[in-house]
Amino acid sequence: MVFSSTLFLFYFLPLFLILYYLSPTKYKNHTLLFASIVFYSWGGPVFIFVILFTTSLDFILVKQIEKSVSKKQKKIFLCISLFVNLGLLFVFKYLYFFTNNIDALLSLTGSPAIRMSKLVLPIGLSFFTFESLTYVIDVYRGDYKSLKSFKNYLTYILLFPKLIAGPIIAYNKIGWQIESVRKTNAEMRLAGFLRFIFGLAKKVLIANVIGETVEELYKLDVNSIDTLTAWAMSIGYTMQLYFDFSGYSDMAIGICKMIGISIPENFNFPYISKSITEFWRRWHISLGNWMRNYLYVPLGGNKGSILKTYFNLWVVFIISGFWHGAGWNFLLWGAYNGFFLMIERLFLDKYLKKSFSVVYTFFIANIGWVLFRNENMDVSMTIYKKMFSFEFHQLPPVDIRFVTILCFALFVSFSGLFKAFYNSTQNDELFFIQKKWRLNCLFLISIILIVLSSSYILGQDFNPFIYFRF
């Protein structure tokens, strides 16, 4: 069930909010948990048992970690949790990839292949696995005490707004809100509603419109395209990906705000960054924080030698790339970004303080997204070749709607058009103390966006969420 589907928008979400607001305070978490279970089970009823199994096991193991006196016992229980969580992630997401590559090697020697069928990936597996690990590792480190209520822990993991595509939130950032008595007022609910609608519009009216044409362009024979078409494909996907994922994050933040839960931002206008280093502080912020706190720092961070620091950076980004998908393109994409982080630290950073740094960052990110988009490396290499061949046969086969929305997306990405709105919604009181005309204007815009988004959803079949497959 995706946020931009008719089922979610016109049935699930309204019904959930009505039940949630009518529920007595002590039963609100029960309503939220029940809705989250229904939400996840709708798309894959079998896989709800996977997530229930891992959460139950982790809850028990964490209790044992806290009870254990010796460090050795704590490590044993920690390793069991890591083995189970990462093992399930490996089996569902990576086993086919490794088996397939082993088969390729075996074919060179004439040995019989293993031949394994590709497993169906439980939706959101990468996201809730990382969240489970944060809880286990935080208690193991002594940063957080274990929970008394399994229901609260299950609610944290299954919280449906962020369950399928994040943000990835450590329990110590949100747990107290789940455990406490949450009260919402009209201002919070309206601010959350506006945030949700703007996120929906980003997803439906920008990402989907651009994505439709990008899909059509990728159906062309890449060997026959010219330079303009290759750039239309790459920049189109760059905008589609950003507005698709950031739009989903906005909707998640908005829903949570409507029920009195504050979750961290996941994007901060990444395409206005002045370096790739800054870009990764602004893009998918929650994943970056997780990688830093639970991988980069344990590896030693920047406390060792310069070579060790660069090695740690590269390892983190290669793993980050592989986290996105089981394919060589994701590994290379991670290594590609890690390479630019290293050379920026080595010498490039001092030059990026001068002009054209934003152009440089967007260019590097855009080139990387071509690799990210295509699991077939031959397709990526051909597109790169066409992008820089400077062959101009004809205008790209795109319509005026695509060009208009793409230009608008670029304008928003670089100007931070909605930045003031986003900042204001972080402080509900400030948001409503400001001039009434601004509130009225935003409310009017939101109504227009609801109508336009609903019309698009009802009239079109193209409605993917890119990050669902991760």
Protein backbone atom coordinates (compact mmCIF):
# COMPACT_ATOMS: atom_id res chain seq x y z
CA MET A 1 0.00 0.00 0.00
CA VAL A 2 1.66 3.21 -1.15
CA PHE A 3 0.85 6.65 0.22
CA SER A 4 -0.19 7.94 -3.18
CA SER A 5 -2.70 5.17 -3.88
CA THR A 6 -6.47 5.63 -3.81
CA LEU A 7 -6.73 2.90 -1.17
CA PHE A 8 -4.45 4.75 1.22
CA LEU A 9 -5.60 8.33 0.53
CA PHE A 10 -9.34 7.83 0.46
CA TYR A 11 -9.84 4.87 2.77
CA PHE A 12 -6.96 3.81 5.02
CA LEU A 13 -5.63 7.21 6.15
CA PRO A 14 -9.01 8.89 6.84
CA LEU A 15 -10.30 5.82 8.70
CA PHE A 16 -7.09 5.54 10.72
CA LEU A 17 -7.15 9.23 11.73
CA ILE A 18 -10.82 9.04 12.76
CA LEU A 19 -10.18 5.96 14.90
CA TYR A 20 -6.98 7.42 16.33
CA TYR A 21 -8.54 10.73 17.38
CA LEU A 22 -11.59 8.96 18.84
CA SER A 23 -9.48 6.48 20.80
CA PRO A 24 -8.95 7.21 24.50
CA THR A 25 -5.40 8.36 25.26
CA LYS A 26 -4.32 5.04 26.79
CA TYR A 27 -5.47 3.15 23.69
CA LYS A 28 -3.93 5.39 21.01
CA ASN A 29 -0.81 3.20 20.74
CA HIS A 30 -3.05 0.16 20.34
CA THR A 31 -4.84 1.85 17.45
CA LEU A 32 -1.53 2.91 15.90
CA LEU A 33 -0.05 -0.58 16.23
CA PHE A 34 -3.14 -2.27 14.80
CA ALA A 35 -3.20 0.13 11.84
CA SER A 36 0.52 -0.45 11.23
CA ILE A 37 0.05 -4.23 11.18
CA VAL A 38 -2.85 -3.91 8.72
CA PHE A 39 -0.84 -1.48 6.58
CA TYR A 40 2.17 -3.79 6.28
CA SER A 41 0.13 -6.99 5.95
CA TRP A 42 -1.88 -5.55 3.06
CA GLY A 43 1.07 -5.75 0.68
CA GLY A 44 2.57 -8.99 1.97
CA PRO A 45 0.63 -10.85 4.67
CA VAL A 46 3.25 -13.60 4.93
CA PHE A 47 6.08 -11.16 5.60
CA ILE A 48 4.42 -9.68 8.68
CA PHE A 49 5.56 -12.86 10.44
CA VAL A 50 9.17 -12.12 9.48
CA ILE A 51 9.08 -8.72 11.13
CA LEU A 52 7.18 -10.05 14.16
CA PHE A 53 9.77 -12.81 14.56
CA THR A 54 12.78 -10.47 14.43
CA THR A 55 11.24 -7.89 16.76
CA SER A 56 10.24 -10.55 19.30
CA LEU A 57 13.69 -12.11 19.23
CA ASP A 58 15.46 -8.76 19.54
CA PHE A 59 13.27 -7.75 22.46
CA ILE A 60 14.19 -10.95 24.31
CA LEU A 61 17.89 -10.72 23.42
CA VAL A 62 18.12 -7.12 24.60
CA LYS A 63 16.65 -8.14 27.94
CA GLN A 64 19.36 -10.79 28.21
CA ILE A 65 22.06 -8.29 27.25
CA GLU A 66 20.96 -5.98 30.05
CA LYS A 67 20.78 -8.81 32.57
CA SER A 68 24.18 -10.23 31.65
CA VAL A 69 27.02 -9.48 34.03
CA SER A 70 30.01 -10.37 31.87
CA LYS A 71 30.95 -8.61 28.66
CA LYS A 72 31.37 -11.99 26.98
CA GLN A 73 27.72 -12.88 27.59
CA LYS A 74 26.60 -9.51 26.28
CA LYS A 75 28.61 -10.05 23.11
CA ILE A 76 27.08 -13.50 22.59
CA PHE A 77 23.53 -12.12 22.69
CA LEU A 78 24.54 -9.18 20.49
CA CYS A 79 26.08 -11.53 17.92
CA ILE A 80 22.91 -13.67 17.87
CA SER A 81 20.86 -10.57 17.06
CA LEU A 82 23.31 -9.45 14.37
CA PHE A 83 23.40 -12.94 12.88
CA VAL A 84 19.60 -13.25 12.69
CA ASN A 85 18.86 -9.74 11.44
CA LEU A 86 21.70 -9.53 8.94
CA GLY A 87 21.20 -13.18 8.02
CA LEU A 88 17.59 -12.59 7.01
CA LEU A 89 18.65 -9.48 5.09
CA PHE A 90 21.33 -11.53 3.32
CA VAL A 91 19.00 -14.40 2.42
CA PHE A 92 16.17 -12.27 1.05
CA LYS A 93 18.20 -9.51 -0.54
CA TYR A 94 21.70 -10.75 -1.39
CA LEU A 95 21.74 -14.56 -1.61
CA TYR A 96 20.49 -14.58 -5.21
CA PHE A 97 23.12 -12.00 -6.20
CA PHE A 98 25.99 -14.02 -4.76
CA THR A 99 24.60 -17.30 -6.10
CA ASN A 100 24.23 -15.78 -9.54
CA ASN A 101 27.84 -14.57 -9.52
CA ILE A 102 29.09 -17.94 -8.29
CA ASP A 103 27.19 -19.59 -11.15
CA ALA A 104 28.94 -17.26 -13.59
CA LEU A 105 32.32 -18.36 -12.23
CA LEU A 106 31.32 -22.04 -12.27
CA SER A 107 30.29 -21.75 -15.91
CA LEU A 108 33.85 -20.75 -16.77
CA THR A 109 35.15 -24.00 -15.34
CA GLY A 110 32.37 -26.14 -16.77
CA SER A 111 31.04 -27.01 -13.31
CA PRO A 112 27.27 -27.39 -12.74
CA ALA A 113 25.49 -24.24 -11.64
CA ILE A 114 23.71 -23.81 -8.31
CA ARG A 115 20.70 -22.14 -9.95
CA MET A 116 18.64 -20.44 -7.30
CA SER A 117 15.35 -18.63 -7.86
CA LYS A 118 15.15 -15.00 -6.81
CA LEU A 119 13.26 -14.55 -3.54
CA VAL A 120 10.56 -11.94 -3.08
CA LEU A 121 11.98 -9.15 -0.92
CA PRO A 122 9.85 -8.18 2.11
CA ILE A 123 8.93 -4.51 1.72
CA GLY A 124 11.04 -2.21 3.86
CA LEU A 125 13.35 -5.01 5.06
CA SER A 126 16.50 -2.88 4.86
CA PHE A 127 14.86 -0.07 6.82
CA PHE A 128 13.37 -1.98 9.74
CA THR A 129 16.46 -4.21 10.01
CA PHE A 130 18.65 -1.16 10.60
CA GLU A 131 16.18 0.20 13.15
CA SER A 132 16.14 -3.10 15.04
CA LEU A 133 19.93 -3.07 15.15
CA THR A 134 20.04 0.47 16.56
CA TYR A 135 17.99 -0.61 19.55
CA VAL A 136 20.09 -3.72 20.21
CA ILE A 137 23.41 -1.91 19.77
CA ASP A 138 22.37 1.12 21.86
CA VAL A 139 21.41 -1.11 24.81
CA TYR A 140 24.60 -3.14 24.37
CA ARG A 141 26.67 0.06 24.51
CA GLY A 142 24.79 1.22 27.57
CA ASP A 143 23.40 4.26 25.76
CA TYR A 144 19.80 3.26 26.38
CA LYS A 145 17.89 1.04 28.79
CA SER A 146 15.82 -1.85 27.52
CA LEU A 147 12.09 -1.34 27.17
CA LYS A 148 9.56 -2.75 29.58
CA SER A 149 6.76 -2.89 27.06
CA PHE A 150 7.00 -5.11 24.00
CA LYS A 151 3.97 -3.30 22.59
CA ASN A 152 5.86 0.01 22.57
CA TYR A 153 8.86 -1.57 20.87
CA LEU A 154 6.66 -3.21 18.26
CA THR A 155 4.92 0.12 17.67
CA TYR A 156 8.31 1.76 17.09
CA ILE A 157 9.37 -0.83 14.51
CA LEU A 158 6.00 -1.08 12.77
CA LEU A 159 5.11 2.64 12.85
CA PHE A 160 3.55 2.69 9.39
CA PRO A 161 4.48 6.21 8.19
CA LYS A 162 8.20 5.35 8.26
CA LEU A 163 8.04 1.55 8.09
CA ILE A 164 8.52 0.99 4.37
CA ALA A 165 10.95 3.71 3.26
CA GLY A 166 12.16 5.49 6.37
CA PRO A 167 13.40 7.77 7.72
CA ILE A 168 15.59 5.34 9.69
CA ILE A 169 15.10 6.46 13.29
CA ALA A 170 17.05 5.28 16.33
CA TYR A 171 14.78 4.37 19.23
CA ASN A 172 16.37 6.96 21.50
CA LYS A 173 15.14 9.65 19.08
CA ILE A 174 11.51 8.60 19.10
CA GLY A 175 10.93 6.10 21.92
CA TRP A 176 9.99 8.67 24.54
CA GLN A 177 7.24 9.95 22.23
CA ILE A 178 5.77 6.48 21.88
CA GLU A 179 5.99 5.81 25.60
CA SER A 180 4.56 9.17 26.68
CA VAL A 181 1.03 10.54 26.56
CA ARG A 182 0.74 12.29 23.20
CA LYS A 183 -1.57 15.22 22.78
CA THR A 184 -2.24 16.99 19.53
CA ASN A 185 -3.95 20.28 18.85
CA ALA A 186 -5.50 21.80 15.75
CA GLU A 187 -2.27 23.61 14.88
CA MET A 188 -0.17 20.44 14.91
CA ARG A 189 -2.72 18.50 12.91
CA LEU A 190 -3.02 21.25 10.31
CA ALA A 191 0.74 21.65 10.03
CA GLY A 192 1.06 17.88 9.53
CA PHE A 193 -1.72 17.90 6.96
CA LEU A 194 -0.03 20.67 4.96
CA ARG A 195 3.30 18.84 5.08
CA PHE A 196 1.63 15.64 3.87
CA ILE A 197 -0.10 17.40 0.97
CA PHE A 198 3.07 19.12 -0.19
CA GLY A 199 4.87 15.77 -0.06
CA LEU A 200 2.06 14.12 -2.01
CA ALA A 201 2.27 16.83 -4.67
CA LYS A 202 6.05 16.40 -4.96
CA LYS A 203 5.57 12.69 -5.46
CA VAL A 204 2.53 12.71 -7.77
CA LEU A 205 2.73 15.97 -9.70
CA ILE A 206 6.51 16.13 -10.12
CA ALA A 207 8.17 12.73 -9.64
CA ASN A 208 5.46 10.72 -11.40
CA VAL A 209 5.11 13.10 -14.33
CA ILE A 210 8.87 13.18 -14.90
CA GLY A 211 9.17 9.45 -14.23
CA GLU A 212 6.63 8.51 -16.89
CA THR A 213 8.73 10.13 -19.59
CA VAL A 214 12.00 8.80 -18.17
CA GLU A 215 10.57 5.27 -18.36
CA GLU A 216 9.64 5.84 -22.00
CA LEU A 217 13.09 7.21 -22.80
CA TYR A 218 14.71 4.14 -21.27
CA LYS A 219 12.67 1.94 -23.60
CA LEU A 220 14.57 3.45 -26.53
CA ASP A 221 17.63 1.76 -27.97
CA VAL A 222 20.38 3.54 -26.03
CA ASN A 223 22.78 2.99 -28.93
CA SER A 224 20.63 5.20 -31.15
CA ILE A 225 20.03 8.15 -28.79
CA ASP A 226 21.92 11.42 -29.06
CA THR A 227 23.48 13.70 -26.43
CA LEU A 228 20.35 15.74 -25.63
CA THR A 229 18.27 12.60 -25.08
CA ALA A 230 20.97 11.07 -22.85
CA TRP A 231 21.03 14.22 -20.69
CA ALA A 232 17.21 14.29 -20.59
CA MET A 233 17.30 10.72 -19.27
CA SER A 234 19.94 11.41 -16.63
CA ILE A 235 18.61 14.75 -15.34
CA GLY A 236 15.04 13.46 -15.54
CA TYR A 237 15.88 10.50 -13.30
CA THR A 238 17.88 12.75 -10.95
CA MET A 239 14.78 14.87 -10.39
CA GLN A 240 12.40 11.90 -10.28
CA LEU A 241 14.43 10.16 -7.59
CA TYR A 242 14.73 13.26 -5.41
CA PHE A 243 11.07 14.28 -5.54
CA ASP A 244 9.90 10.67 -5.22
CA PHE A 245 11.91 9.89 -2.09
CA SER A 246 11.78 13.33 -0.44
CA GLY A 247 8.04 13.49 -1.18
CA TYR A 248 7.58 10.16 0.62
CA SER A 249 9.62 11.44 3.57
CA ASP A 250 7.49 14.61 3.71
CA MET A 251 4.33 12.52 3.79
CA ALA A 252 5.76 10.33 6.57
CA ILE A 253 6.72 13.38 8.62
CA GLY A 254 3.30 14.93 8.01
CA ILE A 255 1.35 11.84 9.11
CA CYS A 256 3.46 11.52 12.25
CA LYS A 257 2.94 15.20 13.07
CA MET A 258 -0.82 14.72 12.74
CA ILE A 259 -0.69 12.10 15.51
CA GLY A 260 1.69 14.04 17.74
CA ILE A 261 4.97 12.32 16.83
CA SER A 262 7.98 14.28 15.62
CA ILE A 263 10.44 12.42 13.39
CA PRO A 264 13.70 13.79 11.94
CA GLU A 265 14.07 15.41 8.55
CA ASN A 266 15.47 13.17 5.83
CA PHE A 267 16.35 15.73 3.14
CA ASN A 268 17.64 19.28 3.25
CA PHE A 269 17.80 20.55 -0.35
CA PRO A 270 20.78 18.36 -1.33
CA TYR A 271 21.23 19.83 -4.80
CA ILE A 272 22.28 23.20 -3.41
CA SER A 273 25.29 21.52 -1.77
CA LYS A 274 28.76 22.86 -2.54
CA SER A 275 30.51 19.51 -2.33
CA ILE A 276 29.71 15.79 -2.38
CA THR A 277 30.59 15.74 1.32
CA GLU A 278 27.89 18.31 2.00
CA PHE A 279 25.53 16.53 -0.39
CA TRP A 280 25.63 13.41 1.77
CA ARG A 281 24.85 15.48 4.84
CA ARG A 282 21.69 16.67 3.08
CA TRP A 283 20.56 13.53 1.18
CA HIS A 284 18.90 10.62 3.01
CA ILE A 285 20.08 12.13 6.30
CA SER A 286 18.81 9.26 8.44
CA LEU A 287 20.85 6.65 6.52
CA GLY A 288 23.94 8.86 6.69
CA ASN A 289 23.53 9.21 10.45
CA TRP A 290 23.10 5.45 10.83
CA MET A 291 26.19 4.70 8.76
CA ARG A 292 28.24 7.21 10.75
CA ASN A 293 27.10 6.10 14.23
CA TYR A 294 26.95 2.34 13.70
CA LEU A 295 29.58 1.69 11.04
CA TYR A 296 32.02 4.57 10.46
CA VAL A 297 32.68 5.31 14.15
CA PRO A 298 33.05 1.62 15.15
CA LEU A 299 35.55 1.19 12.29
CA GLY A 300 37.62 3.96 13.85
CA GLY A 301 36.22 6.98 12.06
CA ASN A 302 38.86 9.62 11.54
CA LYS A 303 40.83 8.83 14.68
CA GLY A 304 43.47 6.72 12.95
CA SER A 305 45.91 7.54 10.20
CA ILE A 306 44.87 9.44 7.09
CA LEU A 307 44.94 6.24 5.04
CA LYS A 308 42.79 4.46 7.64
CA THR A 309 40.29 7.34 7.60
CA TYR A 310 40.02 7.22 3.81
CA PHE A 311 39.69 3.44 3.94
CA ASN A 312 36.86 3.75 6.49
CA LEU A 313 35.09 6.32 4.33
CA TRP A 314 35.29 4.15 1.26
CA VAL A 315 34.15 1.02 3.08
CA VAL A 316 31.14 2.88 4.52
CA PHE A 317 30.08 4.17 1.13
CA ILE A 318 30.56 0.84 -0.62
CA ILE A 319 28.36 -0.78 2.05
CA SER A 320 25.90 2.10 1.73
CA GLY A 321 25.71 1.45 -2.00
CA PHE A 322 25.21 -2.28 -1.45
CA TRP A 323 22.50 -1.51 1.14
CA HIS A 324 20.46 0.05 -1.67
CA GLY A 325 20.46 -3.07 -3.78
CA ALA A 326 22.14 -6.36 -4.63
CA GLY A 327 23.91 -5.41 -7.83
CA TRP A 328 27.34 -4.44 -9.08
CA ASN A 329 25.98 -1.05 -10.10
CA PHE A 330 25.15 -0.24 -6.47
CA LEU A 331 28.60 -1.31 -5.29
CA LEU A 332 30.25 0.84 -7.96
CA TRP A 333 27.92 3.73 -7.17
CA GLY A 334 28.95 3.55 -3.52
CA ALA A 335 32.64 3.40 -4.45
CA TYR A 336 32.13 6.30 -6.87
CA ASN A 337 30.75 8.54 -4.11
CA GLY A 338 33.39 7.38 -1.65
CA PHE A 339 36.09 8.32 -4.16
CA PHE A 340 34.86 11.92 -4.41
CA LEU A 341 34.61 12.21 -0.64
CA MET A 342 38.24 11.16 -0.40
CA ILE A 343 39.60 13.53 -3.05
CA GLU A 344 37.60 16.39 -1.53
CA ARG A 345 39.34 15.75 1.79
CA LEU A 346 42.69 15.38 0.07
CA PHE A 347 42.80 18.57 -1.97
CA LEU A 348 39.59 19.39 -3.84
CA ASP A 349 37.72 20.97 -0.94
CA LYS A 350 39.77 24.19 -0.95
CA TYR A 351 38.90 24.77 -4.59
CA LEU A 352 35.20 24.07 -4.05
CA LYS A 353 34.89 27.14 -1.86
CA LYS A 354 35.16 29.16 -5.03
CA SER A 355 32.45 29.57 -7.67
CA PHE A 356 30.68 26.78 -9.56
CA SER A 357 30.83 24.42 -6.57
CA VAL A 358 27.04 23.83 -6.71
CA VAL A 359 27.30 23.05 -10.42
CA TYR A 360 30.16 20.64 -9.71
CA THR A 361 28.17 18.84 -7.00
CA PHE A 362 25.05 18.49 -9.13
CA PHE A 363 27.13 17.23 -12.06
CA ILE A 364 28.87 14.56 -9.97
CA ALA A 365 25.61 13.48 -8.32
CA ASN A 366 23.80 13.34 -11.67
CA ILE A 367 26.52 11.18 -13.22
CA GLY A 368 26.29 8.85 -10.25
CA TRP A 369 22.54 8.45 -10.53
CA VAL A 370 22.93 6.99 -14.03
CA LEU A 371 24.90 4.16 -12.45
CA PHE A 372 22.33 3.89 -9.65
CA ARG A 373 19.42 3.66 -12.12
CA ASN A 374 20.73 0.85 -14.33
CA GLU A 375 21.64 -2.61 -13.11
CA ASN A 376 22.88 -3.33 -16.64
CA MET A 377 26.34 -1.80 -16.73
CA ASP A 378 26.39 -1.77 -20.53
CA VAL A 379 23.39 0.57 -20.53
CA SER A 380 25.09 2.95 -18.09
CA MET A 381 28.33 3.01 -20.07
CA THR A 382 26.47 3.66 -23.31
CA ILE A 383 24.53 6.54 -21.76
CA TYR A 384 27.79 8.03 -20.45
CA LYS A 385 29.29 7.74 -23.92
CA LYS A 386 26.27 9.45 -25.49
CA MET A 387 26.23 12.22 -22.87
CA PHE A 388 29.73 13.29 -23.87
CA SER A 389 29.73 12.40 -27.55
CA PHE A 390 28.15 15.78 -28.44
CA GLU A 391 26.01 14.24 -31.14
CA PHE A 392 22.87 16.27 -31.79
CA HIS A 393 20.48 14.48 -34.14
CA GLN A 394 17.14 15.84 -33.00
CA LEU A 395 15.27 17.15 -29.98
CA PRO A 396 14.55 14.50 -27.30
CA PRO A 397 11.18 12.72 -27.77
CA VAL A 398 9.54 14.46 -24.81
CA ASP A 399 6.38 16.57 -24.50
CA ILE A 400 5.95 20.10 -23.18
CA ARG A 401 4.57 18.82 -19.88
CA PHE A 402 7.79 16.95 -19.15
CA VAL A 403 9.92 19.99 -20.02
CA THR A 404 7.78 22.32 -17.88
CA ILE A 405 7.74 20.07 -14.81
CA LEU A 406 11.45 19.28 -15.16
CA CYS A 407 12.31 23.00 -15.29
CA PHE A 408 10.09 23.62 -12.26
CA ALA A 409 11.74 20.72 -10.40
CA LEU A 410 15.20 22.15 -11.14
CA PHE A 411 14.05 25.59 -9.99
CA VAL A 412 12.70 24.23 -6.70
CA SER A 413 15.79 22.08 -6.14
CA PHE A 414 18.22 24.96 -6.56
CA SER A 415 16.28 27.86 -5.10
CA GLY A 416 14.91 26.15 -2.00
CA LEU A 417 11.50 27.54 -2.87
CA PHE A 418 9.70 25.76 -0.04
CA LYS A 419 12.48 26.07 2.52
CA ALA A 420 10.76 28.80 4.49
CA PHE A 421 7.60 26.70 4.64
CA TYR A 422 9.50 23.64 5.85
CA ASN A 423 11.31 25.60 8.53
CA SER A 424 8.10 27.18 9.76
CA THR A 425 6.30 23.84 10.10
CA GLN A 426 9.01 22.65 12.49
CA ASN A 427 7.64 25.12 15.04
CA ASP A 428 3.87 24.93 15.11
CA GLU A 429 3.43 27.99 17.30
CA LEU A 430 5.68 30.13 15.10
CA PHE A 431 3.85 28.85 12.04
CA PHE A 432 0.49 30.11 13.27
CA ILE A 433 1.71 33.32 14.90
CA GLN A 434 2.82 34.50 11.48
CA LYS A 435 0.54 36.50 9.24
CA LYS A 436 -2.87 35.05 8.54
CA TRP A 437 -2.53 35.61 4.82
CA ARG A 438 0.32 33.12 4.72
CA LEU A 439 -1.75 30.42 6.41
CA ASN A 440 -4.72 31.13 4.16
CA CYS A 441 -2.49 31.06 1.10
CA LEU A 442 -0.89 27.74 2.08
CA PHE A 443 -4.28 26.23 2.85
CA LEU A 444 -5.64 27.35 -0.53
CA ILE A 445 -2.58 25.95 -2.30
CA SER A 446 -2.98 22.67 -0.43
CA ILE A 447 -6.59 22.33 -1.56
CA ILE A 448 -5.53 22.93 -5.16
CA LEU A 449 -2.75 20.36 -4.80
CA ILE A 450 -5.17 17.81 -3.32
CA VAL A 451 -7.49 18.21 -6.29
CA LEU A 452 -4.67 18.00 -8.84
CA SER A 453 -2.96 15.06 -7.11
CA SER A 454 -6.22 13.15 -6.74
CA SER A 455 -7.07 13.74 -10.39
CA TYR A 456 -3.67 12.43 -11.45
CA ILE A 457 -3.90 9.35 -9.21
CA LEU A 458 -7.40 8.48 -10.45
CA GLY A 459 -6.46 9.04 -14.08
CA GLN A 460 -3.01 7.42 -14.28
CA ASP A 461 -1.59 3.95 -13.62
CA PHE A 462 2.05 5.06 -13.29
CA ASN A 463 2.62 5.36 -9.55
CA PRO A 464 5.85 3.69 -8.36
CA PHE A 465 7.82 4.39 -5.20
CA ILE A 466 11.46 3.93 -6.16
CA TYR A 467 12.76 3.22 -2.66
CA PHE A 468 10.24 0.43 -2.02
CA ARG A 469 12.62 -2.01 -3.67
CA PHE A 470 15.38 -1.19 -1.20
